[in-house]
PDB file of N, CA and C in Angstrom:
ATOM      1  N   MET A   1      29.637  89.473 -52.038  1.00  0.00           N
ATOM      2  CA  MET A   1      28.996  89.242 -53.577  1.00  0.00           C
ATOM      3  C   MET A   1      28.174  88.378 -53.448  1.00  0.00           C
ATOM      4  N   ALA A   2      26.310  88.630 -54.289  1.00  0.00           N
ATOM      5  CA  ALA A   2      25.070  87.482 -54.224  1.00  0.00           C
ATOM      6  C   ALA A   2      25.269  86.634 -55.008  1.00  0.00           C
ATOM      7  N   ARG A   3      24.784  85.564 -54.795  1.00  0.00           N
ATOM      8  CA  ARG A   3      24.983  84.958 -55.820  1.00  0.00           C
ATOM      9  C   ARG A   3      23.614  83.904 -56.553  1.00  0.00           C
ATOM     10  N   LYS A   4      23.984  84.220 -58.140  1.00  0.00           N
ATOM     11  CA  LYS A   4      22.718  83.842 -58.683  1.00  0.00           C
ATOM     12  C   LYS A   4      21.889  82.794 -58.828  1.00  0.00           C
ATOM     13  N   LYS A   5      20.849  82.225 -58.380  1.00  0.00           N
ATOM     14  CA  LYS A   5      20.385  80.932 -58.140  1.00  0.00           C
ATOM     15  C   LYS A   5      20.886  79.831 -59.786  1.00  0.00           C
ATOM     16  N   PRO A   6      20.649  79.311 -59.520  1.00  0.00           N
ATOM     17  CA  PRO A   6      20.525  78.188 -60.763  1.00  0.00           C
ATOM     18  C   PRO A   6      19.293  78.234 -61.621  1.00  0.00           C
ATOM     19  N   THR A   7      19.907  78.630 -63.104  1.00  0.00           N
ATOM     20  CA  THR A   7      18.279  78.294 -64.016  1.00  0.00           C
ATOM     21  C   THR A   7      18.208  77.339 -64.209  1.00  0.00           C
ATOM     22  N   ALA A   8      17.445  76.546 -64.466  1.00  0.00           N
ATOM     23  CA  ALA A   8      16.442  75.264 -65.163  1.00  0.00           C
ATOM     24  C   ALA A   8      17.164  74.901 -66.865  1.00  0.00           C
ATOM     25  N   LYS A   9      17.948  74.035 -66.593  1.00  0.00           N
ATOM     26  CA  LYS A   9      18.370  73.837 -68.134  1.00  0.00           C
ATOM     27  C   LYS A   9      17.292  72.354 -68.347  1.00  0.00           C
ATOM     28  N   GLU A  10      16.546  72.829 -69.748  1.00  0.00           N
ATOM     29  CA  GLU A  10      16.153  72.827 -70.552  1.00  0.00           C
ATOM     30  C   GLU A  10      16.330  71.190 -70.929  1.00  0.00           C
ATOM     31  N   SER A  11      15.851  69.821 -71.162  1.00  0.00           N
ATOM     32  CA  SER A  11      16.743  68.871 -71.505  1.00  0.00           C
ATOM     33  C   SER A  11      16.296  68.234 -73.219  1.00  0.00           C
ATOM     34  N   PHE A  12      16.929  67.946 -73.750  1.00  0.00           N
ATOM     35  CA  PHE A  12      16.405  67.463 -75.181  1.00  0.00           C
ATOM     36  C   PHE A  12      16.231  65.368 -75.038  1.00  0.00           C
ATOM     37  N   VAL A  13      15.180  64.907 -75.876  1.00  0.00           N
ATOM     38  CA  VAL A  13      15.542  63.547 -76.170  1.00  0.00           C
ATOM     39  C   VAL A  13      15.805  63.470 -77.423  1.00  0.00           C
ATOM     40  N   MET A  14      17.068  62.796 -78.036  1.00  0.00           N
ATOM     41  CA  MET A  14      17.299  62.626 -79.206  1.00  0.00           C
ATOM     42  C   MET A  14      16.940  61.361 -80.432  1.00  0.00           C
ATOM     43  N   PHE A  15      16.011  61.859 -80.907  1.00  0.00           N
ATOM     44  CA  PHE A  15      15.649  60.798 -82.245  1.00  0.00           C
ATOM     45  C   PHE A  15      16.316  60.907 -83.440  1.00  0.00           C
ATOM     46  N   ASN A  16      16.292  59.548 -84.289  1.00  0.00           N
ATOM     47  CA  ASN A  16      16.672  58.933 -85.544  1.00  0.00           C
ATOM     48  C   ASN A  16      14.781  58.599 -86.574  1.00  0.00           C
ATOM     49  N   VAL A  17      15.930  59.974 -87.316  1.00  0.00           N
ATOM     50  CA  VAL A  17      13.957  59.940 -88.042  1.00  0.00           C
ATOM     51  C   VAL A  17      14.182  59.136 -89.381  1.00  0.00           C
ATOM     52  N   ALA A  18      13.646  58.472 -90.173  1.00  0.00           N
ATOM     53  CA  ALA A  18      13.423  57.711 -91.432  1.00  0.00           C
ATOM     54  C   ALA A  18      12.415  57.869 -92.352  1.00  0.00           C
ATOM     55  N   TYR A  19      13.242  58.912 -93.069  1.00  0.00           N
ATOM     56  CA  TYR A  19      11.834  59.523 -94.138  1.00  0.00           C
ATOM     57  C   TYR A  19      11.217  57.867 -95.345  1.00  0.00           C
ATOM     58  N   GLU A  20      10.595  58.480 -95.889  1.00  0.00           N
ATOM     59  CA  GLU A  20       9.403  57.446 -96.509  1.00  0.00           C
ATOM     60  C   GLU A  20      10.561  57.006 -97.708  1.00  0.00           C
ATOM     61  N   ASP A  21      11.737  58.349 -98.944  1.00  0.00           N
ATOM     62  CA  ASP A  21      12.376  58.140 -99.969  1.00  0.00           C
ATOM     63  C   ASP A  21      13.262  57.572 -99.208  1.00  0.00           C
ATOM     64  N   GLY A  22      14.069  57.077 -98.170  1.00  0.00           N
ATOM     65  CA  GLY A  22      14.713  56.387 -98.013  1.00  0.00           C
ATOM     66  C   GLY A  22      16.098  56.738 -96.448  1.00  0.00           C
ATOM     67  N   THR A  23      15.793  57.874 -96.857  1.00  0.00           N
ATOM     68  CA  THR A  23      16.930  59.194 -95.908  1.00  0.00           C
ATOM     69  C   THR A  23      16.334  58.767 -94.984  1.00  0.00           C
ATOM     70  N   VAL A  24      17.747  59.561 -93.569  1.00  0.00           N
ATOM     71  CA  VAL A  24      17.627  58.951 -92.356  1.00  0.00           C
ATOM     72  C   VAL A  24      18.164  59.665 -91.700  1.00  0.00           C
ATOM     73  N   THR A  25      17.805  60.339 -90.705  1.00  0.00           N
ATOM     74  CA  THR A  25      18.908  61.651 -89.923  1.00  0.00           C
ATOM     75  C   THR A  25      18.764  61.457 -88.881  1.00  0.00           C
ATOM     76  N   SER A  26      19.833  61.725 -88.022  1.00  0.00           N
ATOM     77  CA  SER A  26      20.562  60.761 -86.625  1.00  0.00           C
ATOM     78  C   SER A  26      20.740  61.891 -85.490  1.00  0.00           C
ATOM     79  N   ASN A  27      20.107  62.324 -84.179  1.00  0.00           N
ATOM     80  CA  ASN A  27      19.913  62.844 -83.399  1.00  0.00           C
ATOM     81  C   ASN A  27      19.444  63.876 -83.455  1.00  0.00           C
ATOM     82  N   ARG A  28      17.837  63.632 -83.356  1.00  0.00           N
ATOM     83  CA  ARG A  28      16.862  65.177 -83.966  1.00  0.00           C
ATOM     84  C   ARG A  28      16.412  65.473 -82.554  1.00  0.00           C
ATOM     85  N   ARG A  29      16.932  66.581 -82.270  1.00  0.00           N
ATOM     86  CA  ARG A  29      16.551  67.272 -80.258  1.00  0.00           C
ATOM     87  C   ARG A  29      14.609  67.156 -80.903  1.00  0.00           C
ATOM     88  N   VAL A  30      14.265  67.016 -79.070  1.00  0.00           N
ATOM     89  CA  VAL A  30      13.324  67.094 -79.144  1.00  0.00           C
ATOM     90  C   VAL A  30      12.826  67.027 -77.758  1.00  0.00           C
ATOM     91  N   PRO A  31      12.710  68.539 -77.016  1.00  0.00           N
ATOM     92  CA  PRO A  31      12.244  68.516 -75.347  1.00  0.00           C
ATOM     93  C   PRO A  31      11.695  67.911 -74.459  1.00  0.00           C
ATOM     94  N   GLU A  32      11.816  67.762 -73.449  1.00  0.00           N
ATOM     95  CA  GLU A  32      11.349  66.680 -72.971  1.00  0.00           C
ATOM     96  C   GLU A  32      10.309  66.953 -72.397  1.00  0.00           C
ATOM     97  N   SER A  33       9.636  68.447 -72.319  1.00  0.00           N
ATOM     98  CA  SER A  33       8.723  68.683 -71.407  1.00  0.00           C
ATOM     99  C   SER A  33       8.165  68.058 -71.969  1.00  0.00           C
ATOM    100  N   VAL A  34       7.922  68.015 -73.615  1.00  0.00           N
ATOM    101  CA  VAL A  34       6.974  67.859 -75.083  1.00  0.00           C
ATOM    102  C   VAL A  34       5.381  66.385 -75.278  1.00  0.00           C
ATOM    103  N   LEU A  35       7.226  65.293 -74.475  1.00  0.00           N
ATOM    104  CA  LEU A  35       6.933  63.779 -74.348  1.00  0.00           C
ATOM    105  C   LEU A  35       6.533  63.495 -73.277  1.00  0.00           C
ATOM    106  N   GLY A  36       6.168  62.877 -73.273  1.00  0.00           N
ATOM    107  CA  GLY A  36       5.595  61.767 -71.731  1.00  0.00           C
ATOM    108  C   GLY A  36       4.112  61.923 -71.637  1.00  0.00           C
ATOM    109  N   GLY A  37       3.483  61.352 -70.112  1.00  0.00           N
ATOM    110  CA  GLY A  37       1.394  61.655 -70.179  1.00  0.00           C
ATOM    111  C   GLY A  37       1.699  59.909 -70.965  1.00  0.00           C
ATOM    112  N   LEU A  38      -0.010  60.520 -72.119  1.00  0.00           N
ATOM    113  CA  LEU A  38      -0.683  59.051 -72.560  1.00  0.00           C
ATOM    114  C   LEU A  38       0.149  59.334 -73.699  1.00  0.00           C
ATOM    115  N   ASP A  39       0.117  60.379 -74.425  1.00  0.00           N
ATOM    116  CA  ASP A  39       0.959  60.328 -75.048  1.00  0.00           C
ATOM    117  C   ASP A  39       2.616  59.621 -75.909  1.00  0.00           C
ATOM    118  N   GLY A  40       2.911  59.788 -75.276  1.00  0.00           N
ATOM    119  CA  GLY A  40       4.483  58.965 -75.085  1.00  0.00           C
ATOM    120  C   GLY A  40       5.472  59.780 -75.956  1.00  0.00           C
ATOM    121  N   ASP A  41       5.650  59.531 -77.229  1.00  0.00           N
ATOM    122  CA  ASP A  41       7.001  60.099 -78.198  1.00  0.00           C
ATOM    123  C   ASP A  41       6.145  60.352 -79.230  1.00  0.00           C
ATOM    124  N   ALA A  42       4.337  60.041 -79.240  1.00  0.00           N
ATOM    125  CA  ALA A  42       3.669  60.092 -80.460  1.00  0.00           C
ATOM    126  C   ALA A  42       3.855  62.047 -80.373  1.00  0.00           C
ATOM    127  N   PRO A  43       3.820  63.079 -80.288  1.00  0.00           N
ATOM    128  CA  PRO A  43       3.980  64.364 -79.442  1.00  0.00           C
ATOM    129  C   PRO A  43       5.651  64.468 -80.487  1.00  0.00           C
ATOM    130  N   ALA A  44       6.308  63.461 -80.089  1.00  0.00           N
ATOM    131  CA  ALA A  44       8.060  64.120 -81.489  1.00  0.00           C
ATOM    132  C   ALA A  44       7.475  63.973 -82.816  1.00  0.00           C
ATOM    133  N   GLN A  45       6.386  63.636 -83.066  1.00  0.00           N
ATOM    134  CA  GLN A  45       6.686  63.867 -84.437  1.00  0.00           C
ATOM    135  C   GLN A  45       6.266  65.115 -84.964  1.00  0.00           C
ATOM    136  N   ALA A  46       5.161  65.986 -84.520  1.00  0.00           N
ATOM    137  CA  ALA A  46       5.207  67.411 -84.419  1.00  0.00           C
ATOM    138  C   ALA A  46       6.435  67.665 -84.462  1.00  0.00           C
ATOM    139  N   VAL A  47       7.062  67.828 -83.488  1.00  0.00           N
ATOM    140  CA  VAL A  47       7.917  68.655 -83.067  1.00  0.00           C
ATOM    141  C   VAL A  47       8.955  68.711 -84.931  1.00  0.00           C
ATOM    142  N   ILE A  48       8.965  67.314 -85.049  1.00  0.00           N
ATOM    143  CA  ILE A  48      10.232  67.250 -85.565  1.00  0.00           C
ATOM    144  C   ILE A  48       9.775  67.354 -87.014  1.00  0.00           C
ATOM    145  N   GLU A  49       8.335  67.907 -87.686  1.00  0.00           N
ATOM    146  CA  GLU A  49       7.762  68.385 -88.847  1.00  0.00           C
ATOM    147  C   GLU A  49       7.199  69.662 -88.751  1.00  0.00           C
ATOM    148  N   GLU A  50       7.972  70.378 -87.859  1.00  0.00           N
ATOM    149  CA  GLU A  50       7.805  71.766 -87.785  1.00  0.00           C
ATOM    150  C   GLU A  50       9.739  72.309 -87.871  1.00  0.00           C
ATOM    151  N   GLN A  51      10.351  70.944 -87.138  1.00  0.00           N
ATOM    152  CA  GLN A  51      11.960  71.684 -87.533  1.00  0.00           C
ATOM    153  C   GLN A  51      11.526  71.401 -89.361  1.00  0.00           C
ATOM    154  N   ASP A  52      11.504  70.755 -89.922  1.00  0.00           N
ATOM    155  CA  ASP A  52      11.718  69.989 -91.321  1.00  0.00           C
ATOM    156  C   ASP A  52      11.311  71.135 -91.853  1.00  0.00           C
ATOM    157  N   ARG A  53      10.070  72.040 -91.587  1.00  0.00           N
ATOM    158  CA  ARG A  53       9.522  72.791 -91.962  1.00  0.00           C
ATOM    159  C   ARG A  53      10.344  74.497 -91.984  1.00  0.00           C
ATOM    160  N   MET A  54      10.922  74.167 -90.923  1.00  0.00           N
ATOM    161  CA  MET A  54      11.936  75.553 -90.967  1.00  0.00           C
ATOM    162  C   MET A  54      13.240  75.436 -91.630  1.00  0.00           C
ATOM    163  N   ILE A  55      14.036  74.698 -91.817  1.00  0.00           N
ATOM    164  CA  ILE A  55      14.959  73.482 -92.300  1.00  0.00           C
ATOM    165  C   ILE A  55      14.505  74.401 -93.793  1.00  0.00           C
ATOM    166  N   GLU A  56      13.446  73.460 -94.452  1.00  0.00           N
ATOM    167  CA  GLU A  56      12.730  73.397 -95.606  1.00  0.00           C
ATOM    168  C   GLU A  56      13.130  75.232 -95.869  1.00  0.00           C
ATOM    169  N   GLU A  57      12.414  75.988 -95.182  1.00  0.00           N
ATOM    170  CA  GLU A  57      12.165  77.362 -95.986  1.00  0.00           C
ATOM    171  C   GLU A  57      13.047  78.131 -95.701  1.00  0.00           C
ATOM    172  N   GLN A  58      14.350  77.526 -94.994  1.00  0.00           N
ATOM    173  CA  GLN A  58      15.458  78.675 -94.488  1.00  0.00           C
ATOM    174  C   GLN A  58      16.802  77.633 -95.970  1.00  0.00           C
ATOM    175  N   SER A  59      16.210  76.486 -96.171  1.00  0.00           N
ATOM    176  CA  SER A  59      17.290  75.830 -97.489  1.00  0.00           C
ATOM    177  C   SER A  59      16.789  75.779 -98.905  1.00  0.00           C
ATOM    178  N   GLY A  60      15.652  75.823 -98.708  1.00  0.00           N
ATOM    179  CA  GLY A  60      14.524  75.901-100.263  1.00  0.00           C
ATOM    180  C   GLY A  60      15.065  74.442-100.549  1.00  0.00           C
ATOM    181  N   ARG A  61      15.013  73.245-100.088  1.00  0.00           N
ATOM    182  CA  ARG A  61      15.071  72.293-100.230  1.00  0.00           C
ATOM    183  C   ARG A  61      14.034  71.570 -99.692  1.00  0.00           C
ATOM    184  N   SER A  62      13.585  70.388-100.073  1.00  0.00           N
ATOM    185  CA  SER A  62      12.296  69.828 -98.973  1.00  0.00           C
ATOM    186  C   SER A  62      12.254  68.288 -98.549  1.00  0.00           C
ATOM    187  N   ARG A  63      11.881  68.039 -97.428  1.00  0.00           N
ATOM    188  CA  ARG A  63      11.596  66.758 -96.777  1.00  0.00           C
ATOM    189  C   ARG A  63      11.118  65.967 -97.551  1.00  0.00           C
ATOM    190  N   GLY A  64      10.748  64.672 -97.069  1.00  0.00           N
ATOM    191  CA  GLY A  64       9.425  63.512 -97.580  1.00  0.00           C
ATOM    192  C   GLY A  64       8.929  63.631 -96.506  1.00  0.00           C
ATOM    193  N   PRO A  65       8.161  62.605 -97.509  1.00  0.00           N
ATOM    194  CA  PRO A  65       7.257  62.324 -95.699  1.00  0.00           C
ATOM    195  C   PRO A  65       7.666  61.734 -94.560  1.00  0.00           C
ATOM    196  N   ILE A  66       7.799  61.670 -93.196  1.00  0.00           N
ATOM    197  CA  ILE A  66       8.413  60.955 -92.260  1.00  0.00           C
ATOM    198  C   ILE A  66       7.895  59.724 -92.257  1.00  0.00           C
ATOM    199  N   LYS A  67       8.421  58.197 -92.098  1.00  0.00           N
ATOM    200  CA  LYS A  67       7.750  57.260 -92.564  1.00  0.00           C
ATOM    201  C   LYS A  67       7.723  56.100 -90.793  1.00  0.00           C
ATOM    202  N   SER A  68       9.376  56.999 -90.237  1.00  0.00           N
ATOM    203  CA  SER A  68       8.723  56.695 -88.740  1.00  0.00           C
ATOM    204  C   SER A  68      10.121  57.798 -87.920  1.00  0.00           C
ATOM    205  N   ILE A  69       9.703  56.872 -86.427  1.00  0.00           N
ATOM    206  CA  ILE A  69      10.817  57.386 -85.978  1.00  0.00           C
ATOM    207  C   ILE A  69      11.006  56.940 -84.459  1.00  0.00           C
ATOM    208  N   MET A  70      12.495  56.704 -84.287  1.00  0.00           N
ATOM    209  CA  MET A  70      12.573  56.251 -82.672  1.00  0.00           C
ATOM    210  C   MET A  70      13.777  56.655 -82.098  1.00  0.00           C
ATOM    211  N   ARG A  71      13.584  56.463 -80.674  1.00  0.00           N
ATOM    212  CA  ARG A  71      14.764  57.355 -80.240  1.00  0.00           C
ATOM    213  C   ARG A  71      15.968  56.844 -80.152  1.00  0.00           C
ATOM    214  N   SER A  72      16.739  57.843 -79.906  1.00  0.00           N
ATOM    215  CA  SER A  72      18.517  57.474 -79.967  1.00  0.00           C
ATOM    216  C   SER A  72      19.286  56.661 -78.857  1.00  0.00           C
ATOM    217  N   PRO A  73      19.511  55.583 -79.388  1.00  0.00           N
ATOM    218  CA  PRO A  73      20.220  54.803 -77.874  1.00  0.00           C
ATOM    219  C   PRO A  73      21.153  55.674 -76.885  1.00  0.00           C
ATOM    220  N   VAL A  74      20.946  55.804 -76.144  1.00  0.00           N
ATOM    221  CA  VAL A  74      21.534  56.140 -74.623  1.00  0.00           C
ATOM    222  C   VAL A  74      23.903  56.261 -74.509  1.00  0.00           C
ATOM    223  N   ARG A  75      24.296  57.731 -74.774  1.00  0.00           N
ATOM    224  CA  ARG A  75      25.044  56.812 -75.211  1.00  0.00           C
ATOM    225  C   ARG A  75      25.880  56.777 -73.922  1.00  0.00           C
TER     226      ARG A  75
END
């Protein structure tokens, strides 16, 4: 039998997000391929905002504006 070639797994970076209304969400996944370069973690906010829009469409509940994002500690 022929062996299958291993597929590349996409890795993620986890972020904690604080909103201006005081709520906090933990462990939001952002693809590692989006991060890095000269912008550092700045592109993560755009990805998280897009996730929030998708969640809002599905649930009908709106999130407030993002106050800050911070990488989750590595376990």
